Protein backbone atom coordinates (compact mmCIF):
# COMPACT_ATOMS: atom_id res chain seq x y z
CA UNK A 1 0.00 0.00 0.00
CA UNK A 2 1.84 3.08 -1.28
CA UNK A 3 0.95 6.41 0.24
CA UNK A 4 0.73 9.38 -2.05
CA UNK A 5 3.27 12.06 -1.19
CA UNK A 6 2.09 15.59 -0.60
CA UNK A 7 3.80 18.95 -0.48
CA UNK A 8 2.89 22.01 1.54
CA UNK A 9 2.74 25.16 -0.58
CA UNK A 10 1.90 28.76 0.28
CA UNK A 11 0.31 30.97 -2.39
CA UNK A 12 0.50 34.72 -1.78
CA UNK A 13 -0.71 37.84 -3.53
CA UNK A 14 -0.31 41.50 -2.64
CA UNK A 15 -3.43 42.95 -4.19
CA UNK A 16 -2.75 46.50 -2.91
CA UNK A 17 0.14 48.23 -1.13
CA UNK A 18 0.61 46.65 2.32
CA UNK A 19 -2.34 44.28 1.70
CA UNK A 20 -1.49 40.57 1.41
CA UNK A 21 -3.65 37.48 0.98
CA UNK A 22 -2.13 34.09 1.77
CA UNK A 23 -3.42 30.54 1.32
CA UNK A 24 -1.67 27.40 2.62
CA UNK A 25 -2.24 24.27 0.54
CA UNK A 26 -1.44 20.55 0.78
CA UNK A 27 -1.03 19.34 -2.80
CA UNK A 28 -0.34 15.86 -4.09
CA UNK A 29 2.97 15.35 -5.86
CA UNK A 30 3.78 16.07 -8.65
CA UNK A 31 2.20 19.51 -8.86
CA UNK A 32 2.89 22.65 -10.86
CA UNK A 33 2.43 26.37 -10.21
CA UNK A 34 -0.76 26.59 -12.27
CA UNK A 35 -2.42 23.87 -10.18
CA UNK A 36 -1.49 25.70 -6.97
CA UNK A 37 -2.94 28.95 -8.33
CA UNK A 38 -6.19 27.27 -9.32
CA UNK A 39 -6.62 25.39 -6.03
CA UNK A 40 -5.81 28.46 -3.92
CA UNK A 41 -8.89 30.31 -5.18
CA UNK A 42 -6.98 33.60 -5.26
CA UNK A 43 -7.50 33.99 -9.00
CA UNK A 44 -11.28 33.96 -8.55
CA UNK A 45 -11.09 36.16 -5.45
CA UNK A 46 -9.01 38.76 -7.29
CA UNK A 47 -10.14 38.72 -10.94
CA UNK A 48 -7.69 41.50 -11.88
CA UNK A 49 -4.97 38.82 -11.79
CA UNK A 50 -5.40 36.80 -14.98
CA UNK A 51 -3.31 33.62 -14.78
CA UNK A 52 -2.51 33.89 -18.49
CA UNK A 53 -0.77 37.29 -18.17
CA UNK A 54 0.17 37.56 -14.52
CA UNK A 55 3.81 37.15 -13.54
CA UNK A 56 4.40 34.57 -10.80
CA UNK A 57 7.46 33.55 -8.86
CA UNK A 58 8.72 31.13 -6.25
CA UNK A 59 10.59 32.74 -3.34
CA UNK A 60 11.14 35.96 -5.32
CA UNK A 61 12.30 34.38 -8.58
CA UNK A 62 10.15 34.55 -11.69
CA UNK A 63 8.98 31.14 -12.93
CA UNK A 64 6.73 29.71 -15.62
CA UNK A 65 3.28 28.36 -14.86
CA UNK A 66 4.43 24.80 -15.62
CA UNK A 67 7.25 24.93 -13.04
CA UNK A 68 7.24 21.92 -10.71
CA UNK A 69 6.70 22.71 -7.02
CA UNK A 70 8.63 21.33 -4.07
CA UNK A 71 7.63 21.00 -0.44
CA UNK A 72 7.42 24.33 1.43
CA UNK A 73 7.59 26.49 -1.73
CA UNK A 74 6.04 29.95 -1.62
CA UNK A 75 4.27 30.90 -4.85
CA UNK A 76 3.96 34.68 -5.28
CA UNK A 77 1.61 36.47 -7.66
CA UNK A 78 3.09 39.80 -8.72
CA UNK A 79 1.16 42.99 -9.41
CA UNK A 80 2.15 44.97 -12.50
CA UNK A 81 4.34 47.99 -11.77
CA UNK A 82 2.54 51.33 -11.71
CA UNK A 83 5.72 53.32 -12.34
CA UNK A 84 8.99 52.17 -13.87
CA UNK A 85 11.62 52.25 -11.07
CA UNK A 86 14.15 54.03 -13.30
CA UNK A 87 11.68 56.80 -14.12
CA UNK A 88 10.71 57.17 -10.45
CA UNK A 89 14.38 57.51 -9.46
CA UNK A 90 15.00 60.19 -12.12
CA UNK A 91 11.95 62.16 -11.00
CA UNK A 92 13.03 61.91 -7.36
CA UNK A 93 16.50 63.18 -8.26
CA UNK A 94 15.04 66.15 -10.17
CA UNK A 95 12.83 67.07 -7.20
CA UNK A 96 15.63 66.76 -4.64
CA UNK A 97 18.31 68.50 -6.66
CA UNK A 98 21.94 67.51 -7.08
CA UNK A 99 23.11 68.83 -3.70
CA UNK A 100 20.69 66.72 -1.65
CA UNK A 101 21.02 63.40 -3.51
CA UNK A 102 23.78 60.90 -4.06
CA UNK A 103 26.25 58.83 -2.12
CA UNK A 104 28.23 61.64 -0.52
CA UNK A 105 25.49 63.93 0.73
CA UNK A 106 26.43 63.64 4.39
CA UNK A 107 29.96 64.96 4.76
CA UNK A 108 32.04 65.02 7.89
CA UNK A 109 33.30 68.46 8.92
CA UNK A 110 36.69 69.29 7.35
CA UNK A 111 36.64 66.10 5.23
CA UNK A 112 38.10 65.85 1.73
CA UNK A 113 35.71 65.87 -1.22
CA UNK A 114 34.18 62.44 -1.72
CA UNK A 115 34.81 61.24 1.86
C-alpha atoms as a PDB file:
ATOM      1  CA  UNK A   1       0.000   0.000   0.000  1.00  0.00           C
ATOM      2  CA  UNK A   2       1.838   3.078  -1.278  1.00  0.00           C
ATOM      3  CA  UNK A   3       0.949   6.406   0.240  1.00  0.00           C
ATOM      4  CA  UNK A   4       0.734   9.379  -2.050  1.00  0.00           C
ATOM      5  CA  UNK A   5       3.271  12.063  -1.195  1.00  0.00           C
ATOM      6  CA  UNK A   6       2.086  15.591  -0.600  1.00  0.00           C
ATOM      7  CA  UNK A   7       3.797  18.948  -0.482  1.00  0.00           C
ATOM      8  CA  UNK A   8       2.889  22.010   1.543  1.00  0.00           C
ATOM      9  CA  UNK A   9       2.744  25.160  -0.584  1.00  0.00           C
ATOM     10  CA  UNK A  10       1.898  28.758   0.277  1.00  0.00           C
ATOM     11  CA  UNK A  11       0.308  30.975  -2.386  1.00  0.00           C
ATOM     12  CA  UNK A  12       0.497  34.724  -1.776  1.00  0.00           C
ATOM     13  CA  UNK A  13      -0.715  37.836  -3.527  1.00  0.00           C
ATOM     14  CA  UNK A  14      -0.306  41.496  -2.640  1.00  0.00           C
ATOM     15  CA  UNK A  15      -3.430  42.947  -4.193  1.00  0.00           C
ATOM     16  CA  UNK A  16      -2.750  46.501  -2.909  1.00  0.00           C
ATOM     17  CA  UNK A  17       0.139  48.233  -1.131  1.00  0.00           C
ATOM     18  CA  UNK A  18       0.607  46.654   2.323  1.00  0.00           C
ATOM     19  CA  UNK A  19      -2.341  44.275   1.705  1.00  0.00           C
ATOM     20  CA  UNK A  20      -1.491  40.574   1.413  1.00  0.00           C
ATOM     21  CA  UNK A  21      -3.652  37.480   0.983  1.00  0.00           C
ATOM     22  CA  UNK A  22      -2.132  34.087   1.768  1.00  0.00           C
ATOM     23  CA  UNK A  23      -3.423  30.537   1.316  1.00  0.00           C
ATOM     24  CA  UNK A  24      -1.673  27.404   2.617  1.00  0.00           C
ATOM     25  CA  UNK A  25      -2.239  24.266   0.543  1.00  0.00           C
ATOM     26  CA  UNK A  26      -1.438  20.555   0.779  1.00  0.00           C
ATOM     27  CA  UNK A  27      -1.032  19.343  -2.800  1.00  0.00           C
ATOM     28  CA  UNK A  28      -0.343  15.857  -4.094  1.00  0.00           C
ATOM     29  CA  UNK A  29       2.972  15.352  -5.858  1.00  0.00           C
ATOM     30  CA  UNK A  30       3.783  16.067  -8.650  1.00  0.00           C
ATOM     31  CA  UNK A  31       2.203  19.509  -8.863  1.00  0.00           C
ATOM     32  CA  UNK A  32       2.895  22.650 -10.858  1.00  0.00           C
ATOM     33  CA  UNK A  33       2.430  26.367 -10.210  1.00  0.00           C
ATOM     34  CA  UNK A  34      -0.762  26.591 -12.268  1.00  0.00           C
ATOM     35  CA  UNK A  35      -2.422  23.865 -10.176  1.00  0.00           C
ATOM     36  CA  UNK A  36      -1.492  25.697  -6.972  1.00  0.00           C
ATOM     37  CA  UNK A  37      -2.941  28.953  -8.329  1.00  0.00           C
ATOM     38  CA  UNK A  38      -6.187  27.269  -9.323  1.00  0.00           C
ATOM     39  CA  UNK A  39      -6.618  25.391  -6.035  1.00  0.00           C
ATOM     40  CA  UNK A  40      -5.809  28.463  -3.917  1.00  0.00           C
ATOM     41  CA  UNK A  41      -8.894  30.309  -5.177  1.00  0.00           C
ATOM     42  CA  UNK A  42      -6.975  33.601  -5.259  1.00  0.00           C
ATOM     43  CA  UNK A  43      -7.499  33.994  -8.997  1.00  0.00           C
ATOM     44  CA  UNK A  44     -11.279  33.958  -8.554  1.00  0.00           C
ATOM     45  CA  UNK A  45     -11.095  36.159  -5.447  1.00  0.00           C
ATOM     46  CA  UNK A  46      -9.012  38.765  -7.285  1.00  0.00           C
ATOM     47  CA  UNK A  47     -10.144  38.717 -10.937  1.00  0.00           C
ATOM     48  CA  UNK A  48      -7.688  41.502 -11.884  1.00  0.00           C
ATOM     49  CA  UNK A  49      -4.968  38.822 -11.792  1.00  0.00           C
ATOM     50  CA  UNK A  50      -5.397  36.797 -14.976  1.00  0.00           C
ATOM     51  CA  UNK A  51      -3.314  33.620 -14.779  1.00  0.00           C
ATOM     52  CA  UNK A  52      -2.506  33.890 -18.488  1.00  0.00           C
ATOM     53  CA  UNK A  53      -0.767  37.286 -18.173  1.00  0.00           C
ATOM     54  CA  UNK A  54       0.171  37.555 -14.518  1.00  0.00           C
ATOM     55  CA  UNK A  55       3.806  37.154 -13.537  1.00  0.00           C
ATOM     56  CA  UNK A  56       4.398  34.571 -10.803  1.00  0.00           C
ATOM     57  CA  UNK A  57       7.458  33.546  -8.859  1.00  0.00           C
ATOM     58  CA  UNK A  58       8.717  31.134  -6.249  1.00  0.00           C
ATOM     59  CA  UNK A  59      10.586  32.736  -3.344  1.00  0.00           C
ATOM     60  CA  UNK A  60      11.138  35.958  -5.317  1.00  0.00           C
ATOM     61  CA  UNK A  61      12.304  34.375  -8.576  1.00  0.00           C
ATOM     62  CA  UNK A  62      10.155  34.552 -11.687  1.00  0.00           C
ATOM     63  CA  UNK A  63       8.983  31.138 -12.934  1.00  0.00           C
ATOM     64  CA  UNK A  64       6.729  29.706 -15.624  1.00  0.00           C
ATOM     65  CA  UNK A  65       3.281  28.359 -14.856  1.00  0.00           C
ATOM     66  CA  UNK A  66       4.432  24.799 -15.625  1.00  0.00           C
ATOM     67  CA  UNK A  67       7.254  24.932 -13.041  1.00  0.00           C
ATOM     68  CA  UNK A  68       7.244  21.919 -10.709  1.00  0.00           C
ATOM     69  CA  UNK A  69       6.704  22.710  -7.019  1.00  0.00           C
ATOM     70  CA  UNK A  70       8.629  21.326  -4.069  1.00  0.00           C
ATOM     71  CA  UNK A  71       7.635  20.997  -0.442  1.00  0.00           C
ATOM     72  CA  UNK A  72       7.421  24.329   1.429  1.00  0.00           C
ATOM     73  CA  UNK A  73       7.595  26.494  -1.728  1.00  0.00           C
ATOM     74  CA  UNK A  74       6.036  29.949  -1.617  1.00  0.00           C
ATOM     75  CA  UNK A  75       4.273  30.900  -4.848  1.00  0.00           C
ATOM     76  CA  UNK A  76       3.961  34.676  -5.278  1.00  0.00           C
ATOM     77  CA  UNK A  77       1.605  36.468  -7.663  1.00  0.00           C
ATOM     78  CA  UNK A  78       3.091  39.797  -8.721  1.00  0.00           C
ATOM     79  CA  UNK A  79       1.164  42.986  -9.412  1.00  0.00           C
ATOM     80  CA  UNK A  80       2.154  44.968 -12.505  1.00  0.00           C
ATOM     81  CA  UNK A  81       4.337  47.992 -11.771  1.00  0.00           C
ATOM     82  CA  UNK A  82       2.537  51.326 -11.707  1.00  0.00           C
ATOM     83  CA  UNK A  83       5.715  53.322 -12.342  1.00  0.00           C
ATOM     84  CA  UNK A  84       8.987  52.171 -13.870  1.00  0.00           C
ATOM     85  CA  UNK A  85      11.621  52.253 -11.069  1.00  0.00           C
ATOM     86  CA  UNK A  86      14.150  54.032 -13.302  1.00  0.00           C
ATOM     87  CA  UNK A  87      11.678  56.795 -14.118  1.00  0.00           C
ATOM     88  CA  UNK A  88      10.714  57.170 -10.451  1.00  0.00           C
ATOM     89  CA  UNK A  89      14.384  57.507  -9.460  1.00  0.00           C
ATOM     90  CA  UNK A  90      14.997  60.189 -12.125  1.00  0.00           C
ATOM     91  CA  UNK A  91      11.951  62.160 -11.003  1.00  0.00           C
ATOM     92  CA  UNK A  92      13.030  61.908  -7.357  1.00  0.00           C
ATOM     93  CA  UNK A  93      16.502  63.183  -8.261  1.00  0.00           C
ATOM     94  CA  UNK A  94      15.044  66.145 -10.165  1.00  0.00           C
ATOM     95  CA  UNK A  95      12.830  67.066  -7.204  1.00  0.00           C
ATOM     96  CA  UNK A  96      15.635  66.763  -4.640  1.00  0.00           C
ATOM     97  CA  UNK A  97      18.314  68.500  -6.656  1.00  0.00           C
ATOM     98  CA  UNK A  98      21.944  67.512  -7.075  1.00  0.00           C
ATOM     99  CA  UNK A  99      23.110  68.830  -3.699  1.00  0.00           C
ATOM    100  CA  UNK A 100      20.686  66.720  -1.647  1.00  0.00           C
ATOM    101  CA  UNK A 101      21.015  63.396  -3.513  1.00  0.00           C
ATOM    102  CA  UNK A 102      23.777  60.895  -4.061  1.00  0.00           C
ATOM    103  CA  UNK A 103      26.247  58.826  -2.117  1.00  0.00           C
ATOM    104  CA  UNK A 104      28.231  61.637  -0.520  1.00  0.00           C
ATOM    105  CA  UNK A 105      25.486  63.927   0.730  1.00  0.00           C
ATOM    106  CA  UNK A 106      26.434  63.636   4.392  1.00  0.00           C
ATOM    107  CA  UNK A 107      29.956  64.960   4.764  1.00  0.00           C
ATOM    108  CA  UNK A 108      32.040  65.021   7.889  1.00  0.00           C
ATOM    109  CA  UNK A 109      33.296  68.459   8.924  1.00  0.00           C
ATOM    110  CA  UNK A 110      36.688  69.286   7.352  1.00  0.00           C
ATOM    111  CA  UNK A 111      36.637  66.099   5.225  1.00  0.00           C
ATOM    112  CA  UNK A 112      38.099  65.846   1.728  1.00  0.00           C
ATOM    113  CA  UNK A 113      35.711  65.873  -1.220  1.00  0.00           C
ATOM    114  CA  UNK A 114      34.180  62.443  -1.718  1.00  0.00           C
ATOM    115  CA  UNK A 115      34.806  61.238   1.858  1.00  0.00           C
END
